[in-house]
Every structure is written in C-alpha cells, then in structure tokens.
C-alpha cells in the first residue's frame, strides 16, 4: 500500500491554524496607569513599583509581537522557495 504524498504547507493554511494576535496593549496599559494615578489608590513607593511592572509588561508585549513578525517573515521566505 502506497502512502499519500505529503503536500508542502502553504501560508494560507498555516495562518488559519495559528492563534490570533491580540490588539496592541499599550493603550490598555496607559489607561490602567492613569486610573490608578487619578484615583490615588497607591502610595508613592507602590505606585512607582506598579509603573515599573507595567512598563516591563509593555516591553514584553512588544518583544513578543516583534518575535511573531520575525517568524512570520521567515516562514514566508521558506514557503516561497
């Protein structure tokens, strides 16, 4: 019995199976920081800590998005060959 010949995957098929990319989170992070500042919910030290953590989250999200773009571009290159 002869097995099926495997077809080369195409970008459209791979893209359909990929998880969806969320929208930019920077506006949400800004909104949360402003809300906490405006409501005076934290003391000065806690607020500084909170802001640092939120900025770290913003940086991580940006790196994750950049990584996704990088790998998408590499896959496009490989599939076009």
C-alpha atoms as a PDB file:
ATOM      1  CA  UNK A   1       0.000   0.000   0.000  1.00  0.00           C
ATOM      2  CA  UNK A   2       1.385   3.335  -1.017  1.00  0.00           C
ATOM      3  CA  UNK A   3       1.081   6.228   1.428  1.00  0.00           C
ATOM      4  CA  UNK A   4      -0.129   9.639   0.453  1.00  0.00           C
ATOM      5  CA  UNK A   5       2.373  12.116  -0.811  1.00  0.00           C
ATOM      6  CA  UNK A   6       2.735  14.907   1.722  1.00  0.00           C
ATOM      7  CA  UNK A   7       1.957  18.305   0.317  1.00  0.00           C
ATOM      8  CA  UNK A   8       4.042  21.311   1.099  1.00  0.00           C
ATOM      9  CA  UNK A   9       2.136  23.519   3.551  1.00  0.00           C
ATOM     10  CA  UNK A  10       1.135  26.919   2.283  1.00  0.00           C
ATOM     11  CA  UNK A  11       0.998  30.179   4.165  1.00  0.00           C
ATOM     12  CA  UNK A  12      -2.780  30.480   3.988  1.00  0.00           C
ATOM     13  CA  UNK A  13      -3.305  27.079   5.626  1.00  0.00           C
ATOM     14  CA  UNK A  14      -0.744  27.758   8.337  1.00  0.00           C
ATOM     15  CA  UNK A  15      -2.222  31.194   9.024  1.00  0.00           C
ATOM     16  CA  UNK A  16      -5.716  29.723   9.514  1.00  0.00           C
ATOM     17  CA  UNK A  17      -4.409  27.340  12.182  1.00  0.00           C
ATOM     18  CA  UNK A  18      -2.357  29.967  14.011  1.00  0.00           C
ATOM     19  CA  UNK A  19      -3.631  31.633  17.195  1.00  0.00           C
ATOM     20  CA  UNK A  20      -4.979  35.128  16.719  1.00  0.00           C
ATOM     21  CA  UNK A  21      -2.700  38.035  17.524  1.00  0.00           C
ATOM     22  CA  UNK A  22      -4.203  40.375  20.125  1.00  0.00           C
ATOM     23  CA  UNK A  23      -4.503  44.096  19.530  1.00  0.00           C
ATOM     24  CA  UNK A  24      -1.833  46.433  20.837  1.00  0.00           C
ATOM     25  CA  UNK A  25      -1.999  46.538  24.619  1.00  0.00           C
ATOM     26  CA  UNK A  26      -0.203  49.869  25.133  1.00  0.00           C
ATOM     27  CA  UNK A  27      -3.432  51.914  25.305  1.00  0.00           C
ATOM     28  CA  UNK A  28      -4.813  49.494  27.908  1.00  0.00           C
ATOM     29  CA  UNK A  29      -1.644  49.747  29.979  1.00  0.00           C
ATOM     30  CA  UNK A  30      -1.759  53.556  29.779  1.00  0.00           C
ATOM     31  CA  UNK A  31      -5.414  53.537  30.836  1.00  0.00           C
ATOM     32  CA  UNK A  32      -4.697  51.368  33.878  1.00  0.00           C
ATOM     33  CA  UNK A  33      -1.736  53.504  34.962  1.00  0.00           C
ATOM     34  CA  UNK A  34      -3.791  56.686  34.608  1.00  0.00           C
ATOM     35  CA  UNK A  35      -6.701  55.166  36.505  1.00  0.00           C
ATOM     36  CA  UNK A  36      -4.513  54.140  39.438  1.00  0.00           C
ATOM     37  CA  UNK A  37      -2.828  57.553  39.498  1.00  0.00           C
ATOM     38  CA  UNK A  38      -6.108  59.506  39.253  1.00  0.00           C
ATOM     39  CA  UNK A  39      -7.847  57.501  41.966  1.00  0.00           C
ATOM     40  CA  UNK A  40      -4.813  57.838  44.226  1.00  0.00           C
ATOM     41  CA  UNK A  41      -5.020  54.124  45.000  1.00  0.00           C
ATOM     42  CA  UNK A  42      -1.365  53.568  45.872  1.00  0.00           C
ATOM     43  CA  UNK A  43       1.245  55.344  47.929  1.00  0.00           C
ATOM     44  CA  UNK A  44       4.244  56.839  46.111  1.00  0.00           C
ATOM     45  CA  UNK A  45       6.500  53.778  46.539  1.00  0.00           C
ATOM     46  CA  UNK A  46       3.822  51.312  45.480  1.00  0.00           C
ATOM     47  CA  UNK A  47       2.874  53.475  42.512  1.00  0.00           C
ATOM     48  CA  UNK A  48       6.491  53.588  41.322  1.00  0.00           C
ATOM     49  CA  UNK A  49       6.710  49.789  41.630  1.00  0.00           C
ATOM     50  CA  UNK A  50       3.389  49.382  39.801  1.00  0.00           C
ATOM     51  CA  UNK A  51       4.533  51.633  36.940  1.00  0.00           C
ATOM     52  CA  UNK A  52       7.822  49.729  36.574  1.00  0.00           C
ATOM     53  CA  UNK A  53       5.953  46.435  36.369  1.00  0.00           C
ATOM     54  CA  UNK A  54       3.501  47.798  33.815  1.00  0.00           C
ATOM     55  CA  UNK A  55       6.343  49.144  31.679  1.00  0.00           C
ATOM     56  CA  UNK A  56       8.042  45.758  31.858  1.00  0.00           C
ATOM     57  CA  UNK A  57       4.779  44.196  30.670  1.00  0.00           C
ATOM     58  CA  UNK A  58       4.631  46.714  27.818  1.00  0.00           C
ATOM     59  CA  UNK A  59       8.213  45.831  26.785  1.00  0.00           C
ATOM     60  CA  UNK A  60       7.487  42.105  26.949  1.00  0.00           C
ATOM     61  CA  UNK A  61       4.381  42.507  24.802  1.00  0.00           C
ATOM     62  CA  UNK A  62       6.350  44.480  22.228  1.00  0.00           C
ATOM     63  CA  UNK A  63       9.112  41.849  22.103  1.00  0.00           C
ATOM     64  CA  UNK A  64       6.545  39.092  21.724  1.00  0.00           C
ATOM     65  CA  UNK A  65       4.877  40.938  18.848  1.00  0.00           C
ATOM     66  CA  UNK A  66       8.272  41.574  17.180  1.00  0.00           C
ATOM     67  CA  UNK A  67       9.137  37.896  17.551  1.00  0.00           C
ATOM     68  CA  UNK A  68       5.865  36.910  15.879  1.00  0.00           C
ATOM     69  CA  UNK A  69       6.553  39.247  12.966  1.00  0.00           C
ATOM     70  CA  UNK A  70      10.084  37.872  12.630  1.00  0.00           C
ATOM     71  CA  UNK A  71       8.920  34.242  12.477  1.00  0.00           C
ATOM     72  CA  UNK A  72       6.049  35.061  10.118  1.00  0.00           C
ATOM     73  CA  UNK A  73       8.525  36.678   7.710  1.00  0.00           C
ATOM     74  CA  UNK A  74      10.899  33.672   7.957  1.00  0.00           C
ATOM     75  CA  UNK A  75       8.063  31.222   7.221  1.00  0.00           C
ATOM     76  CA  UNK A  76       7.006  33.311   4.208  1.00  0.00           C
ATOM     77  CA  UNK A  77      10.582  33.145   2.915  1.00  0.00           C
ATOM     78  CA  UNK A  78      10.810  29.377   3.401  1.00  0.00           C
ATOM     79  CA  UNK A  79       7.472  28.675   1.772  1.00  0.00           C
ATOM     80  CA  UNK A  80       8.232  30.853  -1.219  1.00  0.00           C
ATOM     81  CA  UNK A  81      11.309  28.745  -2.089  1.00  0.00           C
END
